[in-house]
N, C-alpha and C. Protein backbone atom coordinates (compact mmCIF):
# COMPACT_ATOMS: atom_id res chain seq x y z
N UNK A 1 -36.47 29.61 -25.17
CA UNK A 1 -35.53 29.04 -26.07
C UNK A 1 -35.95 27.53 -26.14
N UNK A 2 -35.73 26.99 -27.31
CA UNK A 2 -36.14 25.64 -27.52
C UNK A 2 -34.91 24.77 -27.96
N UNK A 3 -34.91 23.39 -27.51
CA UNK A 3 -33.92 22.43 -27.95
C UNK A 3 -34.68 21.68 -29.05
N UNK A 4 -34.12 21.61 -30.24
CA UNK A 4 -34.70 20.87 -31.32
C UNK A 4 -33.78 19.56 -31.71
N UNK A 5 -34.33 18.44 -31.72
CA UNK A 5 -33.55 17.22 -32.14
C UNK A 5 -34.32 16.62 -33.30
N UNK A 6 -33.51 16.41 -34.25
CA UNK A 6 -34.11 15.81 -35.61
C UNK A 6 -33.28 14.57 -36.02
N UNK A 7 -33.85 13.59 -36.37
CA UNK A 7 -33.26 12.32 -36.81
C UNK A 7 -33.36 12.35 -38.37
N UNK A 8 -32.22 12.47 -38.87
CA UNK A 8 -32.29 12.48 -40.40
C UNK A 8 -31.26 11.51 -41.12
N UNK A 9 -31.44 11.14 -42.25
CA UNK A 9 -30.58 10.30 -43.06
C UNK A 9 -29.24 11.07 -43.43
N UNK A 10 -28.17 10.38 -43.40
CA UNK A 10 -26.93 11.02 -43.63
C UNK A 10 -26.73 11.70 -45.16
N UNK A 11 -27.53 11.10 -46.05
CA UNK A 11 -27.36 11.73 -47.37
C UNK A 11 -28.25 13.03 -47.55
N UNK A 12 -28.99 13.42 -46.60
CA UNK A 12 -29.73 14.64 -46.62
C UNK A 12 -29.10 15.88 -45.94
N UNK A 13 -27.93 15.55 -45.32
CA UNK A 13 -27.40 16.53 -44.34
C UNK A 13 -26.89 17.76 -45.11
N UNK A 14 -26.25 17.68 -46.22
CA UNK A 14 -25.70 18.76 -46.86
C UNK A 14 -26.80 19.77 -47.38
N UNK A 15 -27.83 19.27 -47.99
CA UNK A 15 -28.92 20.18 -48.49
C UNK A 15 -29.51 20.88 -47.26
N UNK A 16 -29.67 20.10 -46.13
CA UNK A 16 -30.18 20.70 -44.88
C UNK A 16 -29.36 21.71 -44.27
N UNK A 17 -28.05 21.49 -44.19
CA UNK A 17 -27.13 22.49 -43.64
C UNK A 17 -27.15 23.76 -44.52
N UNK A 18 -27.15 23.55 -45.69
CA UNK A 18 -27.10 24.69 -46.74
C UNK A 18 -28.40 25.45 -46.48
N UNK A 19 -29.55 24.94 -46.43
CA UNK A 19 -30.79 25.64 -46.29
C UNK A 19 -30.88 26.32 -44.88
N UNK A 20 -30.30 25.71 -43.86
CA UNK A 20 -30.37 26.32 -42.60
C UNK A 20 -29.42 27.55 -42.54
N UNK A 21 -28.28 27.43 -43.12
CA UNK A 21 -27.32 28.51 -43.26
C UNK A 21 -27.87 29.72 -44.01
N UNK A 22 -28.63 29.44 -45.09
CA UNK A 22 -29.22 30.47 -45.86
C UNK A 22 -30.21 31.27 -45.10
N UNK A 23 -30.77 30.53 -44.10
CA UNK A 23 -31.90 31.21 -43.22
C UNK A 23 -31.31 31.80 -41.90
N UNK A 24 -29.94 31.71 -41.87
CA UNK A 24 -29.37 32.37 -40.70
C UNK A 24 -29.10 31.44 -39.42
N UNK A 25 -29.33 30.18 -39.61
CA UNK A 25 -29.07 29.27 -38.53
C UNK A 25 -27.62 28.64 -38.70
N UNK A 26 -26.77 29.06 -37.67
CA UNK A 26 -25.44 28.58 -37.93
C UNK A 26 -24.97 27.42 -37.19
N UNK A 27 -25.34 27.19 -35.93
CA UNK A 27 -24.67 26.19 -35.12
C UNK A 27 -25.76 24.92 -35.05
N UNK A 28 -25.25 23.92 -35.58
CA UNK A 28 -25.99 22.54 -35.29
C UNK A 28 -25.01 21.53 -34.92
N UNK A 29 -25.40 20.73 -34.11
CA UNK A 29 -24.52 19.60 -33.64
C UNK A 29 -25.16 18.29 -34.30
N UNK A 30 -24.14 17.59 -34.86
CA UNK A 30 -24.54 16.26 -35.46
C UNK A 30 -23.87 15.07 -34.82
N UNK A 31 -24.64 14.18 -34.40
CA UNK A 31 -24.23 12.90 -33.83
C UNK A 31 -24.52 11.81 -34.73
N UNK A 32 -23.61 10.88 -34.90
CA UNK A 32 -23.91 9.67 -35.64
C UNK A 32 -24.61 8.67 -34.71
N UNK A 33 -25.80 8.25 -35.14
CA UNK A 33 -26.49 7.29 -34.32
C UNK A 33 -26.96 6.05 -35.11
N UNK A 34 -27.19 4.95 -34.49
CA UNK A 34 -27.85 3.83 -35.26
C UNK A 34 -29.17 3.60 -34.68
N UNK A 35 -30.05 3.30 -35.68
CA UNK A 35 -31.41 2.99 -35.31
C UNK A 35 -31.67 1.53 -35.38
N UNK A 36 -32.18 0.83 -34.40
CA UNK A 36 -32.62 -0.64 -34.47
C UNK A 36 -33.94 -0.69 -35.18
N UNK A 37 -34.04 -1.67 -36.09
CA UNK A 37 -35.22 -1.82 -36.95
C UNK A 37 -35.90 -2.91 -36.50
N UNK A 38 -37.26 -2.75 -36.44
CA UNK A 38 -38.21 -3.89 -36.18
C UNK A 38 -38.15 -4.83 -37.34
N UNK A 39 -37.90 -4.31 -38.59
CA UNK A 39 -37.91 -5.19 -39.87
C UNK A 39 -36.43 -5.20 -40.30
N UNK A 40 -35.65 -6.20 -39.96
CA UNK A 40 -34.35 -6.25 -40.58
C UNK A 40 -34.36 -6.44 -42.14
N UNK A 41 -33.43 -6.03 -42.86
CA UNK A 41 -33.51 -6.15 -44.27
C UNK A 41 -32.17 -6.96 -44.66
N UNK A 42 -32.25 -7.63 -45.73
CA UNK A 42 -31.13 -8.48 -46.24
C UNK A 42 -30.32 -7.64 -47.24
N UNK A 43 -28.90 -7.76 -47.11
CA UNK A 43 -28.06 -7.14 -47.95
C UNK A 43 -26.99 -8.19 -48.32
N UNK A 44 -26.48 -8.20 -49.55
CA UNK A 44 -25.55 -9.18 -50.10
C UNK A 44 -24.14 -8.33 -50.25
N UNK A 45 -23.19 -8.74 -49.67
CA UNK A 45 -21.81 -8.20 -49.80
C UNK A 45 -20.83 -9.24 -50.15
N UNK A 46 -20.17 -9.10 -51.28
CA UNK A 46 -19.26 -10.06 -51.73
C UNK A 46 -19.79 -11.57 -51.77
N UNK A 47 -21.04 -11.64 -52.16
CA UNK A 47 -21.65 -12.94 -52.19
C UNK A 47 -22.13 -13.51 -51.03
N UNK A 48 -22.01 -12.75 -49.90
CA UNK A 48 -22.56 -13.28 -48.57
C UNK A 48 -23.72 -12.47 -48.16
N UNK A 49 -24.85 -13.08 -47.76
CA UNK A 49 -25.88 -12.40 -47.38
C UNK A 49 -25.99 -12.07 -45.90
N UNK A 50 -26.21 -10.78 -45.50
CA UNK A 50 -26.25 -10.35 -44.16
C UNK A 50 -27.65 -9.75 -43.83
N UNK A 51 -28.06 -10.00 -42.57
CA UNK A 51 -29.22 -9.47 -42.05
C UNK A 51 -28.85 -8.14 -41.39
N UNK A 52 -29.39 -7.02 -41.77
CA UNK A 52 -29.08 -5.76 -41.25
C UNK A 52 -30.21 -5.31 -40.32
N UNK A 53 -29.83 -5.20 -39.04
CA UNK A 53 -30.89 -4.80 -38.05
C UNK A 53 -30.71 -3.26 -37.57
N UNK A 54 -29.69 -2.63 -37.88
CA UNK A 54 -29.51 -1.18 -37.68
C UNK A 54 -29.39 -0.33 -38.87
N UNK A 55 -29.84 0.81 -38.79
CA UNK A 55 -29.75 1.73 -39.96
C UNK A 55 -29.02 3.20 -39.37
N UNK A 56 -28.13 3.55 -40.24
CA UNK A 56 -27.35 4.82 -39.84
C UNK A 56 -28.34 6.02 -39.93
N UNK A 57 -28.14 6.80 -38.86
CA UNK A 57 -28.87 8.16 -38.87
C UNK A 57 -27.97 9.17 -38.29
N UNK A 58 -28.45 10.44 -38.56
CA UNK A 58 -27.73 11.56 -37.91
C UNK A 58 -28.76 12.32 -36.90
N UNK A 59 -28.27 12.56 -35.74
CA UNK A 59 -29.13 13.33 -34.83
C UNK A 59 -28.56 14.73 -34.76
N UNK A 60 -29.46 15.70 -35.33
CA UNK A 60 -29.06 17.07 -35.35
C UNK A 60 -29.72 17.73 -34.15
N UNK A 61 -28.86 18.44 -33.39
CA UNK A 61 -29.31 19.18 -32.27
C UNK A 61 -29.14 20.61 -32.42
N UNK A 62 -30.15 21.40 -32.12
CA UNK A 62 -29.96 22.98 -32.34
C UNK A 62 -30.79 23.57 -31.07
N UNK A 63 -30.31 24.74 -30.70
CA UNK A 63 -30.85 25.54 -29.76
C UNK A 63 -31.32 26.82 -30.43
N UNK A 64 -32.75 27.00 -30.34
CA UNK A 64 -33.25 28.20 -31.08
C UNK A 64 -34.26 28.93 -30.38
N UNK A 65 -34.48 30.21 -30.80
CA UNK A 65 -35.45 31.09 -30.26
C UNK A 65 -36.80 30.55 -30.52
N UNK A 66 -37.72 30.74 -29.56
CA UNK A 66 -39.08 30.21 -29.63
C UNK A 66 -39.77 30.70 -30.92
N UNK A 67 -39.51 31.87 -31.34
CA UNK A 67 -40.16 32.53 -32.52
C UNK A 67 -39.78 31.90 -33.92
N UNK A 68 -38.66 31.14 -33.81
CA UNK A 68 -38.19 30.60 -35.05
C UNK A 68 -38.41 29.04 -35.11
N UNK A 69 -39.11 28.46 -34.21
CA UNK A 69 -39.29 26.95 -34.24
C UNK A 69 -39.99 26.57 -35.53
N UNK A 70 -41.14 27.14 -35.88
CA UNK A 70 -41.80 26.69 -37.04
C UNK A 70 -41.07 26.79 -38.36
N UNK A 71 -40.17 27.80 -38.37
CA UNK A 71 -39.32 28.02 -39.53
C UNK A 71 -38.39 26.90 -39.70
N UNK A 72 -37.75 26.55 -38.65
CA UNK A 72 -36.73 25.43 -38.59
C UNK A 72 -37.37 24.13 -38.95
N UNK A 73 -38.62 23.85 -38.38
CA UNK A 73 -39.31 22.61 -38.70
C UNK A 73 -39.60 22.58 -40.22
N UNK A 74 -40.10 23.68 -40.74
CA UNK A 74 -40.41 23.63 -42.24
C UNK A 74 -39.10 23.40 -43.07
N UNK A 75 -37.92 23.95 -42.67
CA UNK A 75 -36.72 23.82 -43.43
C UNK A 75 -36.28 22.31 -43.28
N UNK A 76 -36.40 21.70 -42.12
CA UNK A 76 -36.14 20.25 -42.12
C UNK A 76 -37.00 19.45 -42.77
N UNK A 77 -38.23 19.64 -42.64
CA UNK A 77 -39.36 18.92 -43.59
C UNK A 77 -39.02 19.04 -44.96
N UNK A 78 -38.74 20.16 -45.44
CA UNK A 78 -38.46 20.45 -46.91
C UNK A 78 -37.22 19.72 -47.36
N UNK A 79 -36.11 19.76 -46.51
CA UNK A 79 -34.78 19.34 -47.00
C UNK A 79 -34.28 17.99 -46.63
N UNK A 80 -34.99 17.35 -45.57
CA UNK A 80 -34.46 16.12 -45.18
C UNK A 80 -35.64 15.02 -45.07
N UNK A 81 -36.70 15.31 -45.96
CA UNK A 81 -37.75 14.33 -45.97
C UNK A 81 -37.44 13.14 -46.85
N UNK A 82 -37.73 12.04 -46.47
CA UNK A 82 -37.66 10.66 -47.25
C UNK A 82 -38.91 9.98 -47.09
N UNK A 83 -39.03 8.92 -47.84
CA UNK A 83 -40.23 8.02 -47.80
C UNK A 83 -40.15 7.03 -46.73
N UNK A 84 -39.03 6.90 -45.99
CA UNK A 84 -38.93 5.84 -45.06
C UNK A 84 -39.48 6.18 -43.72
N UNK A 85 -40.04 5.18 -43.02
CA UNK A 85 -40.67 5.20 -41.80
C UNK A 85 -39.50 5.56 -40.73
N UNK A 86 -39.89 6.52 -39.88
CA UNK A 86 -38.96 6.89 -38.74
C UNK A 86 -38.01 8.05 -39.16
N UNK A 87 -37.85 8.36 -40.51
CA UNK A 87 -36.99 9.45 -40.80
C UNK A 87 -37.76 10.84 -40.65
N UNK A 88 -37.02 11.78 -40.18
CA UNK A 88 -37.56 13.07 -40.09
C UNK A 88 -38.29 13.38 -38.73
N UNK A 89 -38.15 12.51 -37.82
CA UNK A 89 -38.89 12.84 -36.52
C UNK A 89 -38.00 14.00 -35.80
N UNK A 90 -38.90 14.97 -35.45
CA UNK A 90 -38.35 16.14 -34.86
C UNK A 90 -38.99 16.32 -33.41
N UNK A 91 -38.09 16.43 -32.48
CA UNK A 91 -38.49 16.54 -31.07
C UNK A 91 -38.13 18.00 -30.63
N UNK A 92 -38.93 18.65 -29.83
CA UNK A 92 -38.71 19.98 -29.47
C UNK A 92 -38.98 20.06 -27.87
N UNK A 93 -38.14 20.61 -27.20
CA UNK A 93 -38.35 20.74 -25.75
C UNK A 93 -37.95 22.15 -25.31
N UNK A 94 -38.41 22.54 -24.18
CA UNK A 94 -38.12 23.77 -23.71
C UNK A 94 -36.84 23.82 -22.96
N UNK A 95 -36.06 24.89 -23.13
CA UNK A 95 -34.75 25.01 -22.35
C UNK A 95 -35.07 26.06 -21.29
N UNK A 96 -34.90 25.71 -20.11
CA UNK A 96 -35.06 26.66 -18.91
C UNK A 96 -33.94 27.66 -18.79
N UNK A 97 -32.79 26.99 -18.97
CA UNK A 97 -31.59 27.92 -18.68
C UNK A 97 -30.35 27.39 -19.42
N UNK A 98 -29.53 28.20 -19.68
CA UNK A 98 -28.31 27.95 -20.47
C UNK A 98 -27.17 28.58 -19.73
N UNK A 99 -26.14 27.85 -19.28
CA UNK A 99 -24.99 28.39 -18.48
C UNK A 99 -23.82 28.06 -19.25
N UNK A 100 -22.70 28.82 -19.10
CA UNK A 100 -21.45 28.61 -19.81
C UNK A 100 -20.34 28.55 -18.65
N UNK A 101 -19.24 27.72 -18.99
CA UNK A 101 -18.18 27.63 -18.00
C UNK A 101 -17.43 28.94 -18.13
N UNK A 102 -17.00 29.54 -17.00
CA UNK A 102 -16.33 30.81 -16.94
C UNK A 102 -15.09 30.82 -17.90
N UNK A 103 -14.95 31.81 -18.65
CA UNK A 103 -13.88 32.00 -19.61
C UNK A 103 -14.10 31.23 -20.98
N UNK A 104 -15.05 30.50 -21.06
CA UNK A 104 -15.32 29.93 -22.42
C UNK A 104 -16.10 30.81 -23.28
N UNK A 105 -16.10 30.49 -24.59
CA UNK A 105 -16.84 31.36 -25.54
C UNK A 105 -18.04 30.58 -26.08
């Protein structure tokens, strides 16, 4: 079994979730995260200029069978790709064991 972590832009999440559901992947965990940028950008809000140093991202975590890793990577690359640096990074690690708390589902 593998643990897959993908950093995606919030506006890509609905298309990605739909594509994963159509391929039979049901459970994904989404965490809101902020990414610190090496290159802050300027934004004007109500006439005041702000330097923005963080960018919103979602961290999607999934646990999947080894045989389906390439399929999930392809789905993420197809549905969550942007032209921005740092978007779409996917990390895959091996899960040695999964245990549950007694009585939980």
